[in-house]
Amino acid sequence: MDKVVAAAAEAVADIGDGASLAVGGFGLSGVPNVLIDAVYRRGVGGLRVVSNNCGAMDSGLAVLLSAGRIARVTGSYIGSNKEFARQYLAGELEVELIPQGTLAERLRAGGCGIPAFYTPAGVGTQVAEGGLPWRYDGAGGVALASPPKEVRAFDGVEHVLEHGIRTDFALVRAARGDRHGNLVFNKSARNFNPLAAMAGKVTIAEVEELVEPGGIDPDEVHLPGVFVQRVVALTSEQAREKGIEKRTTR
């Protein structure tokens, strides 16, 4: 039951070329930076990433993206990541953009063993009809476009069929965790972390505070340890390191 791994490098040692990763975080909040850095140091490439966004301010997944280690991204927000946009338009990166709520539910469904579900989000758009550019050819043309999806009416309202997501691995960050893998997330850092953790076949969690079993009240657990296979305890310095994406002054 003790799922604690001594170091991040050991925890990600079996992530190989072409692996699929579900990664928690939104902007700079709740991003498993230590685990991502460990994956970067392994030197693996051709990664297929499922995450709300692909890093920000040269941190998080942007580290892997800038190094050309990511082949495909399934997400919902590009934001101001100029390198992401450059690789996408140059045909170096395959991108599946989907509605944010649909991404969240696809991750949750995959983790719960639900193969597919219907949602009204995207009906009447290229999300359902197909034709969204997944990969450009580098000359302004579309090399690969999204296929059409099944649409079915329920109570007179059309819904599009979306498939649950399962990945080889998941990387998440939690405020607290115990040796059994039970996790607690802090405020907005909860974002996509529980959902990404559920979707991974092997889920690795970096935790800012490691406690003994029983140190977390059962009513406070945000993600049960059944979804987590490995736990990495951060150093105090790693736990304190939290960036601010945009500073507002007056």
Protein backbone atom coordinates (compact mmCIF):
# COMPACT_ATOMS: atom_id res chain seq x y z
CA MET A 1 0.00 0.00 0.00
CA ASP A 2 2.98 2.34 0.39
CA LYS A 3 3.11 4.10 -2.98
CA VAL A 4 5.86 6.61 -2.17
CA VAL A 5 8.74 6.70 -4.66
CA ALA A 6 12.02 8.22 -3.54
CA ALA A 7 12.59 10.55 -6.50
CA ALA A 8 10.76 11.97 -9.51
CA ALA A 9 13.27 10.40 -11.89
CA GLU A 10 12.45 6.96 -10.52
CA ALA A 11 8.71 7.63 -10.70
CA VAL A 12 8.80 8.44 -14.44
CA ALA A 13 11.49 5.91 -15.40
CA ASP A 14 9.11 3.75 -17.47
CA ILE A 15 7.65 6.61 -19.53
CA GLY A 16 8.97 5.95 -23.02
CA ASP A 17 8.87 7.47 -26.48
CA GLY A 18 5.34 7.86 -27.84
CA ALA A 19 3.65 7.51 -24.45
CA SER A 20 0.34 9.26 -23.81
CA LEU A 21 0.17 11.56 -20.76
CA ALA A 22 -2.79 13.19 -19.03
CA VAL A 23 -1.41 16.22 -17.20
CA GLY A 24 -3.18 18.31 -14.57
CA GLY A 25 -3.02 22.06 -14.17
CA PHE A 26 -4.46 25.22 -15.67
CA GLY A 27 -2.09 28.05 -16.54
CA LEU A 28 0.45 27.97 -13.71
CA SER A 29 -1.95 26.57 -11.10
CA GLY A 30 -1.58 22.96 -10.03
CA VAL A 31 1.01 22.06 -12.66
CA PRO A 32 3.22 19.03 -11.84
CA ASN A 33 6.42 20.86 -12.78
CA VAL A 34 8.80 18.51 -10.98
CA LEU A 35 7.45 15.44 -12.75
CA ILE A 36 7.42 17.23 -16.10
CA ASP A 37 11.05 18.23 -15.61
CA ALA A 38 11.89 14.61 -14.79
CA VAL A 39 10.25 13.48 -18.05
CA TYR A 40 12.25 16.14 -19.89
CA ARG A 41 15.51 14.89 -18.39
CA ARG A 42 14.67 11.34 -19.54
CA GLY A 43 14.96 12.60 -23.12
CA VAL A 44 11.83 10.85 -24.39
CA GLY A 45 9.91 12.25 -27.35
CA GLY A 46 6.89 11.74 -29.56
CA LEU A 47 4.68 12.24 -26.51
CA ARG A 48 0.90 12.48 -26.85
CA VAL A 49 -0.35 14.93 -24.22
CA VAL A 50 -3.87 15.48 -22.91
CA SER A 51 -4.05 18.70 -20.90
CA ASN A 52 -6.19 21.82 -20.73
CA ASN A 53 -3.28 23.91 -22.04
CA CYS A 54 0.32 23.19 -22.98
CA GLY A 55 2.31 25.22 -20.49
CA ALA A 56 2.80 28.93 -19.90
CA MET A 57 5.73 31.29 -19.44
CA ASP A 58 8.30 28.64 -20.44
CA SER A 59 7.20 26.35 -17.60
CA GLY A 60 5.21 23.15 -17.25
CA LEU A 61 4.54 21.38 -20.54
CA ALA A 62 6.13 24.30 -22.40
CA VAL A 63 9.47 22.77 -21.39
CA LEU A 64 8.70 19.61 -23.37
CA LEU A 65 7.01 21.53 -26.18
CA SER A 66 9.96 23.86 -26.77
CA ALA A 67 12.29 20.86 -26.91
CA GLY A 68 10.19 19.26 -29.65
CA ARG A 69 9.25 16.30 -27.45
CA ILE A 70 5.46 16.54 -27.94
CA ALA A 71 3.86 15.11 -31.08
CA ARG A 72 0.18 15.57 -30.27
CA VAL A 73 -1.89 17.71 -27.90
CA THR A 74 -5.52 17.19 -26.92
CA GLY A 75 -6.66 20.31 -25.09
CA SER A 76 -9.00 23.25 -24.98
CA TYR A 77 -6.87 26.36 -24.55
CA ILE A 78 -3.82 27.56 -26.48
CA GLY A 79 -3.66 30.98 -24.82
CA SER A 80 -0.61 33.12 -25.45
CA ASN A 81 1.84 30.26 -26.02
CA LYS A 82 3.54 31.52 -29.20
CA GLU A 83 5.72 28.43 -29.62
CA PHE A 84 2.61 26.24 -29.48
CA ALA A 85 1.01 28.32 -32.24
CA ARG A 86 4.20 28.27 -34.33
CA GLN A 87 4.56 24.48 -34.18
CA TYR A 88 0.87 23.97 -34.90
CA LEU A 89 0.79 26.24 -37.96
CA ALA A 90 4.11 24.86 -39.22
CA GLY A 91 2.75 21.33 -39.22
CA GLU A 92 5.13 20.16 -36.49
CA LEU A 93 2.39 19.50 -33.93
CA GLU A 94 -0.94 17.69 -34.14
CA VAL A 95 -3.65 19.43 -32.10
CA GLU A 96 -7.15 18.33 -31.17
CA LEU A 97 -9.02 21.31 -29.74
CA ILE A 98 -12.23 20.43 -27.91
CA PRO A 99 -14.66 22.33 -25.64
CA GLN A 100 -13.28 22.65 -22.12
CA GLY A 101 -16.20 20.98 -20.39
CA THR A 102 -16.08 18.14 -22.90
CA LEU A 103 -12.38 17.63 -22.17
CA ALA A 104 -13.10 17.44 -18.45
CA GLU A 105 -15.90 14.91 -18.94
CA ARG A 106 -13.88 12.80 -21.40
CA LEU A 107 -11.15 12.44 -18.78
CA ARG A 108 -13.64 11.65 -16.01
CA ALA A 109 -15.52 9.17 -18.19
CA GLY A 110 -12.33 7.36 -19.14
CA GLY A 111 -11.36 7.08 -15.49
CA CYS A 112 -14.79 5.71 -14.57
CA GLY A 113 -14.79 3.09 -17.33
CA ILE A 114 -17.42 4.89 -19.41
CA PRO A 115 -16.45 4.44 -23.10
CA ALA A 116 -18.51 7.32 -24.51
CA PHE A 117 -21.25 9.84 -23.76
CA TYR A 118 -23.50 12.33 -25.53
CA THR A 119 -23.29 16.10 -25.00
CA PRO A 120 -24.95 19.10 -26.72
CA ALA A 121 -21.62 20.99 -26.71
CA GLY A 122 -20.33 21.36 -30.24
CA VAL A 123 -23.51 20.43 -32.11
CA GLY A 124 -23.79 22.41 -35.35
CA THR A 125 -20.07 23.20 -35.43
CA GLN A 126 -16.95 21.53 -36.82
CA VAL A 127 -16.60 19.78 -33.46
CA ALA A 128 -19.48 17.55 -34.56
CA GLU A 129 -19.37 17.96 -38.34
CA GLY A 130 -15.62 17.45 -38.71
CA GLY A 131 -13.10 19.54 -40.58
CA LEU A 132 -11.19 21.06 -37.65
CA PRO A 133 -7.50 21.24 -38.59
CA TRP A 134 -5.63 18.67 -36.52
CA ARG A 135 -2.41 19.15 -38.47
CA TYR A 136 -1.35 21.76 -41.01
CA ASP A 137 1.02 21.02 -43.90
CA GLY A 138 3.29 23.99 -43.15
CA ALA A 139 2.15 25.87 -46.26
CA GLY A 140 -1.24 27.04 -45.03
CA GLY A 141 -3.14 23.91 -46.03
CA VAL A 142 -4.69 21.26 -43.82
CA ALA A 143 -2.88 17.91 -43.80
CA LEU A 144 -5.22 16.19 -41.34
CA ALA A 145 -8.71 17.23 -40.28
CA SER A 146 -11.03 15.96 -37.56
CA PRO A 147 -13.60 13.34 -38.64
CA PRO A 148 -17.35 13.84 -38.24
CA LYS A 149 -18.91 12.51 -35.06
CA GLU A 150 -22.17 10.71 -34.45
CA VAL A 151 -25.07 13.05 -33.62
CA ARG A 152 -28.26 11.79 -31.98
CA ALA A 153 -31.37 13.53 -30.71
CA PHE A 154 -32.61 13.13 -27.13
CA ASP A 155 -35.95 14.74 -26.26
CA GLY A 156 -35.74 16.72 -29.48
CA VAL A 157 -32.26 18.11 -28.72
CA GLU A 158 -29.26 17.01 -30.77
CA HIS A 159 -26.20 15.68 -28.95
CA VAL A 160 -22.76 14.70 -30.22
CA LEU A 161 -21.02 11.48 -29.21
CA GLU A 162 -17.70 11.95 -27.39
CA HIS A 163 -15.33 9.18 -26.31
CA GLY A 164 -13.77 8.77 -22.88
CA ILE A 165 -10.01 9.33 -22.63
CA ARG A 166 -7.52 6.85 -21.18
CA THR A 167 -3.78 7.53 -21.20
CA ASP A 168 -0.70 5.46 -20.46
CA PHE A 169 0.31 7.78 -17.63
CA ALA A 170 -1.02 10.77 -15.69
CA LEU A 171 1.02 13.47 -13.96
CA VAL A 172 -0.66 15.55 -11.24
CA ARG A 173 0.19 17.87 -8.35
CA ALA A 174 -1.54 17.89 -4.98
CA ALA A 175 -1.23 19.97 -1.83
CA ARG A 176 -1.33 16.93 0.45
CA GLY A 177 -1.13 13.22 -0.04
CA ASP A 178 -0.63 10.13 2.08
CA ARG A 179 1.34 6.95 1.43
CA HIS A 180 -1.79 5.25 0.10
CA GLY A 181 -2.18 7.86 -2.64
CA ASN A 182 -5.17 9.74 -1.25
CA LEU A 183 -4.88 13.35 -2.43
CA VAL A 184 -6.11 16.81 -1.44
CA PHE A 185 -5.82 19.75 -3.85
CA ASN A 186 -5.61 23.41 -2.88
CA LYS A 187 -8.37 25.68 -4.20
CA SER A 188 -8.02 26.38 -7.94
CA ALA A 189 -5.14 23.90 -8.21
CA ARG A 190 -7.87 21.27 -8.08
CA ASN A 191 -8.79 22.24 -11.70
CA PHE A 192 -8.01 19.31 -14.02
CA ASN A 193 -5.84 17.36 -11.59
CA PRO A 194 -8.41 14.86 -10.24
CA LEU A 195 -9.76 14.24 -13.75
CA ALA A 196 -6.32 13.71 -15.27
CA ALA A 197 -5.42 11.37 -12.42
CA MET A 198 -8.53 9.27 -13.05
CA ALA A 199 -7.72 8.91 -16.76
CA GLY A 200 -4.19 7.56 -16.35
CA LYS A 201 -3.47 3.84 -16.31
CA VAL A 202 -0.45 4.71 -14.16
CA THR A 203 -0.92 7.93 -12.19
CA ILE A 204 2.02 9.71 -10.58
CA ALA A 205 1.34 12.47 -8.05
CA GLU A 206 3.81 15.00 -6.72
CA VAL A 207 2.66 16.24 -3.32
CA GLU A 208 3.69 19.37 -1.44
CA GLU A 209 3.08 17.67 1.93
CA LEU A 210 3.31 13.95 2.55
CA VAL A 211 1.38 12.63 5.56
CA GLU A 212 0.99 9.19 7.07
CA PRO A 213 -2.14 7.10 6.44
CA GLY A 214 -4.93 8.53 8.58
CA GLY A 215 -3.45 12.02 8.39
CA ILE A 216 -6.16 13.10 5.96
CA ASP A 217 -9.77 13.08 7.13
CA PRO A 218 -11.74 10.82 4.74
CA ASP A 219 -14.24 13.64 4.19
CA GLU A 220 -11.40 15.88 2.95
CA VAL A 221 -10.10 13.49 0.28
CA HIS A 222 -10.57 14.93 -3.21
CA LEU A 223 -9.15 11.90 -5.04
CA PRO A 224 -9.07 8.38 -3.55
CA GLY A 225 -5.80 6.50 -3.63
CA VAL A 226 -7.30 3.80 -5.89
CA PHE A 227 -6.57 6.16 -8.81
CA VAL A 228 -2.92 6.78 -7.83
CA GLN A 229 -0.04 4.34 -8.28
CA ARG A 230 2.99 6.47 -7.30
CA VAL A 231 3.56 9.39 -4.93
CA VAL A 232 6.58 11.73 -4.94
CA ALA A 233 7.10 13.99 -1.93
CA LEU A 234 8.42 17.42 -2.92
CA THR A 235 11.15 19.21 -1.01
CA SER A 236 10.15 22.37 0.85
CA GLU A 237 11.87 24.41 -1.85
CA GLN A 238 10.01 22.63 -4.65
CA ALA A 239 6.70 23.03 -2.82
CA ARG A 240 7.22 26.78 -2.40
CA GLU A 241 8.09 27.42 -6.04
CA LYS A 242 4.88 28.77 -7.59
CA GLY A 243 4.88 31.24 -10.45
CA ILE A 244 2.46 34.05 -11.16
CA GLU A 245 1.32 34.21 -14.77
CA LYS A 246 0.27 37.84 -14.86
CA ARG A 247 1.02 40.50 -12.29
CA THR A 248 -1.37 43.46 -12.05
CA THR A 249 -0.14 46.68 -10.46
CA ARG A 250 -1.71 50.03 -9.83
